[in-house]
Amino acid sequence: MSHPLRRAVPRLPAEWFAFFRLEGGENDRWRCCRIIDISPLGAGLELFDLEPDEDLSGPVVVSLELKGETRSIIADDLHGSARVGITFPSPSPATRDYLLRLNGVRSRW
């Protein structure tokens, strides 16, 4: 039996590891998850370290960590800030393709 496509905007594969927290539940600690696919309107997640019968129907907070090598730095000593450019070390082909598509449609996050 096939499920009808319910997405307004197609998702693209991501394969990113992140952290999630279920808001309002008894267990609101940060745990690992995998972002399987993503679009400007939503994402598919695989949640890990779940308790039996845990309620997953409420709000979910996702924190994504990106790691890259510093390539350029523009310091603003007056405001105590800096503009830093990074490059991602060897992104997967799916990640590279997704980032290129985001750039092409001028998506904003």
N, C-alpha and C. Protein backbone atom coordinates (compact mmCIF):
# COMPACT_ATOMS: atom_id res chain seq x y z
N MET A 1 0.85 -1.17 0.00
CA MET A 1 0.00 0.00 0.00
C MET A 1 0.90 1.24 0.00
N SER A 2 0.71 2.14 -0.94
CA SER A 2 1.53 3.34 -1.00
C SER A 2 0.85 4.48 -0.26
N HIS A 3 1.69 5.35 0.32
CA HIS A 3 1.18 6.52 1.02
C HIS A 3 1.20 7.71 0.07
N PRO A 4 0.14 8.53 0.09
CA PRO A 4 0.14 9.70 -0.79
C PRO A 4 1.19 10.71 -0.34
N LEU A 5 1.77 11.42 -1.31
CA LEU A 5 2.75 12.45 -1.02
C LEU A 5 2.04 13.63 -0.36
N ARG A 6 2.46 13.99 0.87
CA ARG A 6 1.79 15.04 1.63
C ARG A 6 2.61 16.31 1.72
N ARG A 7 3.66 16.45 0.97
CA ARG A 7 4.56 17.59 1.09
C ARG A 7 4.24 18.66 0.06
N ALA A 8 4.17 19.92 0.53
CA ALA A 8 3.95 21.04 -0.37
C ALA A 8 5.21 21.35 -1.17
N VAL A 9 6.37 21.13 -0.56
CA VAL A 9 7.66 21.38 -1.19
C VAL A 9 8.48 20.10 -1.11
N PRO A 10 9.01 19.61 -2.22
CA PRO A 10 9.80 18.37 -2.18
C PRO A 10 11.02 18.50 -1.25
N ARG A 11 11.31 17.45 -0.55
CA ARG A 11 12.48 17.42 0.32
C ARG A 11 13.66 16.82 -0.43
N LEU A 12 14.83 17.26 -0.02
CA LEU A 12 16.06 16.74 -0.60
C LEU A 12 16.83 15.97 0.47
N PRO A 13 17.57 14.93 0.10
CA PRO A 13 18.30 14.16 1.10
C PRO A 13 19.34 15.01 1.82
N ALA A 14 19.52 14.75 3.13
CA ALA A 14 20.48 15.53 3.90
C ALA A 14 21.53 14.63 4.55
N GLU A 15 21.10 13.60 5.29
CA GLU A 15 22.04 12.73 6.01
C GLU A 15 22.93 13.51 6.96
N TRP A 16 22.31 14.38 7.79
CA TRP A 16 23.04 15.18 8.77
C TRP A 16 22.70 14.67 10.16
N PHE A 17 23.69 14.58 11.03
CA PHE A 17 23.41 14.23 12.43
C PHE A 17 23.21 15.52 13.20
N ALA A 18 22.29 15.47 14.17
CA ALA A 18 21.92 16.65 14.94
C ALA A 18 21.48 16.20 16.33
N PHE A 19 20.92 17.12 17.08
CA PHE A 19 20.37 16.83 18.40
C PHE A 19 18.91 17.29 18.42
N PHE A 20 18.07 16.58 19.16
CA PHE A 20 16.67 16.97 19.29
C PHE A 20 16.26 16.96 20.75
N ARG A 21 15.20 17.70 21.01
CA ARG A 21 14.60 17.74 22.35
C ARG A 21 13.10 17.84 22.15
N LEU A 22 12.35 17.00 22.89
CA LEU A 22 10.90 17.04 22.84
C LEU A 22 10.40 18.06 23.87
N GLU A 23 9.73 19.10 23.42
CA GLU A 23 9.25 20.13 24.33
C GLU A 23 7.99 19.66 25.05
N GLY A 24 7.92 19.96 26.32
CA GLY A 24 6.72 19.67 27.09
C GLY A 24 6.61 18.25 27.60
N GLY A 25 7.53 17.40 27.26
CA GLY A 25 7.46 16.02 27.73
C GLY A 25 8.21 15.84 29.04
N GLU A 26 8.08 14.68 29.61
CA GLU A 26 8.78 14.38 30.86
C GLU A 26 10.29 14.25 30.61
N ASN A 27 10.66 13.81 29.43
CA ASN A 27 12.07 13.62 29.09
C ASN A 27 12.45 14.67 28.06
N ASP A 28 12.89 15.85 28.53
CA ASP A 28 13.19 16.94 27.60
C ASP A 28 14.69 17.16 27.43
N ARG A 29 15.49 16.09 27.63
CA ARG A 29 16.94 16.22 27.46
C ARG A 29 17.29 16.16 25.97
N TRP A 30 18.48 16.68 25.63
CA TRP A 30 18.97 16.63 24.26
C TRP A 30 19.43 15.21 23.93
N ARG A 31 19.02 14.71 22.77
CA ARG A 31 19.40 13.38 22.30
C ARG A 31 19.79 13.47 20.83
N CYS A 32 20.43 12.43 20.34
CA CYS A 32 20.88 12.42 18.95
C CYS A 32 19.73 12.10 17.99
N CYS A 33 19.84 12.68 16.81
CA CYS A 33 18.91 12.34 15.73
C CYS A 33 19.64 12.46 14.41
N ARG A 34 18.99 12.02 13.36
CA ARG A 34 19.54 12.12 12.01
C ARG A 34 18.51 12.85 11.16
N ILE A 35 18.94 13.90 10.48
CA ILE A 35 18.07 14.59 9.54
C ILE A 35 18.21 13.84 8.22
N ILE A 36 17.15 13.18 7.83
CA ILE A 36 17.16 12.32 6.65
C ILE A 36 16.97 13.15 5.38
N ASP A 37 15.98 14.03 5.43
CA ASP A 37 15.73 14.91 4.30
C ASP A 37 15.18 16.23 4.82
N ILE A 38 15.26 17.29 3.97
CA ILE A 38 14.91 18.62 4.45
C ILE A 38 14.43 19.49 3.29
N SER A 39 13.55 20.40 3.61
CA SER A 39 13.08 21.43 2.67
C SER A 39 12.90 22.71 3.47
N PRO A 40 12.63 23.82 2.81
CA PRO A 40 12.38 25.04 3.58
C PRO A 40 11.15 24.95 4.48
N LEU A 41 10.27 23.97 4.26
CA LEU A 41 9.04 23.86 5.06
C LEU A 41 9.03 22.69 6.05
N GLY A 42 10.01 21.82 6.02
CA GLY A 42 9.99 20.69 6.94
C GLY A 42 11.19 19.79 6.77
N ALA A 43 11.21 18.73 7.59
CA ALA A 43 12.33 17.79 7.55
C ALA A 43 11.85 16.42 7.99
N GLY A 44 12.54 15.40 7.53
CA GLY A 44 12.33 14.04 8.00
C GLY A 44 13.44 13.70 8.97
N LEU A 45 13.08 13.21 10.14
CA LEU A 45 14.05 12.93 11.20
C LEU A 45 14.00 11.47 11.60
N GLU A 46 15.14 10.93 12.00
CA GLU A 46 15.21 9.65 12.68
C GLU A 46 15.68 9.96 14.10
N LEU A 47 14.82 9.71 15.09
CA LEU A 47 15.12 10.03 16.48
C LEU A 47 15.69 8.81 17.17
N PHE A 48 16.73 9.02 17.97
CA PHE A 48 17.38 7.93 18.69
C PHE A 48 17.16 8.07 20.20
N ASP A 49 17.40 6.98 20.93
CA ASP A 49 17.35 6.96 22.40
C ASP A 49 15.96 7.28 22.93
N LEU A 50 14.94 6.72 22.29
CA LEU A 50 13.57 6.96 22.73
C LEU A 50 13.17 5.99 23.84
N GLU A 51 12.30 6.47 24.70
CA GLU A 51 11.73 5.63 25.76
C GLU A 51 10.51 4.90 25.19
N PRO A 52 10.22 3.69 25.72
CA PRO A 52 9.00 3.00 25.27
C PRO A 52 7.77 3.86 25.53
N ASP A 53 6.87 3.92 24.58
CA ASP A 53 5.62 4.67 24.68
C ASP A 53 5.82 6.17 24.87
N GLU A 54 6.95 6.72 24.46
CA GLU A 54 7.20 8.16 24.57
C GLU A 54 6.30 8.91 23.58
N ASP A 55 5.68 9.99 24.04
CA ASP A 55 4.79 10.79 23.20
C ASP A 55 5.61 11.66 22.26
N LEU A 56 5.50 11.41 20.97
CA LEU A 56 6.26 12.14 19.97
C LEU A 56 5.41 13.18 19.24
N SER A 57 4.18 13.41 19.69
CA SER A 57 3.25 14.25 18.94
C SER A 57 3.41 15.75 19.19
N GLY A 58 4.20 16.17 20.17
CA GLY A 58 4.35 17.58 20.48
C GLY A 58 5.46 18.25 19.70
N PRO A 59 5.78 19.49 20.06
CA PRO A 59 6.86 20.22 19.39
C PRO A 59 8.22 19.55 19.58
N VAL A 60 9.04 19.59 18.54
CA VAL A 60 10.38 19.04 18.56
C VAL A 60 11.36 20.16 18.22
N VAL A 61 12.40 20.32 19.03
CA VAL A 61 13.46 21.29 18.76
C VAL A 61 14.65 20.52 18.21
N VAL A 62 15.20 20.98 17.09
CA VAL A 62 16.34 20.32 16.46
C VAL A 62 17.50 21.30 16.43
N SER A 63 18.67 20.85 16.88
CA SER A 63 19.88 21.66 16.86
C SER A 63 20.89 20.96 15.97
N LEU A 64 21.34 21.66 14.94
CA LEU A 64 22.27 21.10 13.98
C LEU A 64 23.63 21.74 14.18
N GLU A 65 24.65 20.92 14.26
CA GLU A 65 26.02 21.41 14.38
C GLU A 65 26.73 21.24 13.06
N LEU A 66 27.24 22.35 12.52
CA LEU A 66 28.03 22.30 11.30
C LEU A 66 29.48 22.55 11.66
N LYS A 67 30.37 21.75 11.09
CA LYS A 67 31.79 21.90 11.38
C LYS A 67 32.54 22.15 10.09
N GLY A 68 33.39 23.16 10.11
CA GLY A 68 34.15 23.49 8.92
C GLY A 68 35.49 24.09 9.27
N GLU A 69 36.31 24.26 8.26
CA GLU A 69 37.63 24.86 8.42
C GLU A 69 37.54 26.35 8.12
N THR A 70 38.13 27.18 8.98
CA THR A 70 38.11 28.62 8.79
C THR A 70 38.92 28.99 7.56
N ARG A 71 38.35 29.81 6.70
CA ARG A 71 39.01 30.25 5.47
C ARG A 71 39.22 31.77 5.46
N SER A 72 38.32 32.52 6.06
CA SER A 72 38.47 33.98 6.09
C SER A 72 37.89 34.53 7.38
N ILE A 73 38.49 35.60 7.87
CA ILE A 73 38.05 36.23 9.11
C ILE A 73 38.07 37.74 8.92
N ILE A 74 36.95 38.37 9.24
CA ILE A 74 36.88 39.83 9.27
C ILE A 74 36.41 40.21 10.67
N ALA A 75 37.34 40.70 11.48
CA ALA A 75 37.04 41.04 12.87
C ALA A 75 36.43 42.43 12.97
N ASP A 76 35.47 42.57 13.89
CA ASP A 76 34.87 43.86 14.21
C ASP A 76 35.10 44.10 15.70
N ASP A 77 36.28 44.64 16.03
CA ASP A 77 36.65 44.85 17.43
C ASP A 77 35.71 45.81 18.13
N LEU A 78 35.14 46.75 17.39
CA LEU A 78 34.23 47.73 17.98
C LEU A 78 32.99 47.06 18.59
N HIS A 79 32.48 46.05 17.91
CA HIS A 79 31.27 45.35 18.37
C HIS A 79 31.56 43.98 18.99
N GLY A 80 32.81 43.60 19.06
CA GLY A 80 33.16 42.30 19.63
C GLY A 80 32.61 41.14 18.84
N SER A 81 32.65 41.26 17.51
CA SER A 81 32.12 40.20 16.66
C SER A 81 33.09 39.96 15.50
N ALA A 82 32.78 38.95 14.71
CA ALA A 82 33.61 38.63 13.54
C ALA A 82 32.75 37.94 12.51
N ARG A 83 33.06 38.17 11.26
CA ARG A 83 32.46 37.46 10.13
C ARG A 83 33.48 36.42 9.72
N VAL A 84 33.10 35.14 9.83
CA VAL A 84 34.02 34.05 9.55
C VAL A 84 33.45 33.20 8.43
N GLY A 85 34.28 32.94 7.43
CA GLY A 85 33.90 32.04 6.35
C GLY A 85 34.52 30.68 6.60
N ILE A 86 33.72 29.63 6.42
CA ILE A 86 34.23 28.27 6.61
C ILE A 86 33.94 27.44 5.37
N THR A 87 34.71 26.38 5.20
CA THR A 87 34.44 25.39 4.18
C THR A 87 34.19 24.06 4.87
N PHE A 88 33.25 23.30 4.32
CA PHE A 88 32.94 22.00 4.88
C PHE A 88 33.89 20.96 4.31
N PRO A 89 34.51 20.16 5.18
CA PRO A 89 35.43 19.13 4.68
C PRO A 89 34.68 17.97 4.05
N SER A 90 34.84 17.81 2.77
CA SER A 90 34.29 16.67 2.02
C SER A 90 32.82 16.38 2.32
N PRO A 91 31.90 17.31 1.97
CA PRO A 91 30.48 16.98 2.18
C PRO A 91 30.08 15.83 1.27
N SER A 92 29.10 15.07 1.69
CA SER A 92 28.62 13.97 0.87
C SER A 92 28.02 14.53 -0.42
N PRO A 93 27.94 13.73 -1.46
CA PRO A 93 27.33 14.21 -2.71
C PRO A 93 25.90 14.71 -2.51
N ALA A 94 25.13 14.03 -1.65
CA ALA A 94 23.74 14.47 -1.39
C ALA A 94 23.72 15.82 -0.70
N THR A 95 24.62 16.02 0.27
CA THR A 95 24.69 17.30 0.98
C THR A 95 25.13 18.40 0.02
N ARG A 96 26.13 18.14 -0.77
CA ARG A 96 26.62 19.13 -1.74
C ARG A 96 25.51 19.51 -2.71
N ASP A 97 24.79 18.51 -3.22
CA ASP A 97 23.70 18.76 -4.16
C ASP A 97 22.61 19.60 -3.51
N TYR A 98 22.28 19.29 -2.26
CA TYR A 98 21.23 20.05 -1.56
C TYR A 98 21.65 21.50 -1.36
N LEU A 99 22.87 21.73 -0.91
CA LEU A 99 23.34 23.09 -0.70
C LEU A 99 23.37 23.88 -2.01
N LEU A 100 23.74 23.24 -3.11
CA LEU A 100 23.72 23.90 -4.40
C LEU A 100 22.30 24.26 -4.82
N ARG A 101 21.36 23.37 -4.56
CA ARG A 101 19.96 23.66 -4.90
C ARG A 101 19.41 24.80 -4.04
N LEU A 102 19.76 24.82 -2.75
CA LEU A 102 19.31 25.92 -1.89
C LEU A 102 19.82 27.24 -2.44
N ASN A 103 21.05 27.26 -2.85
CA ASN A 103 21.63 28.48 -3.41
C ASN A 103 20.89 28.87 -4.70
N GLY A 104 20.52 27.90 -5.49
CA GLY A 104 19.86 28.18 -6.75
C GLY A 104 18.46 28.75 -6.59
N VAL A 105 17.74 28.36 -5.54
CA VAL A 105 16.38 28.87 -5.36
C VAL A 105 16.35 30.04 -4.38
N ARG A 106 17.50 30.47 -3.94
CA ARG A 106 17.64 31.61 -3.02
C ARG A 106 16.81 31.40 -1.75
N SER A 107 16.87 30.20 -1.21
CA SER A 107 16.17 29.90 0.03
C SER A 107 16.80 30.64 1.19
N ARG A 108 15.98 30.99 2.15
CA ARG A 108 16.47 31.66 3.36
C ARG A 108 16.08 30.82 4.56
N TRP A 109 17.00 30.68 5.49
CA TRP A 109 16.75 29.88 6.69
C TRP A 109 16.86 30.76 7.89
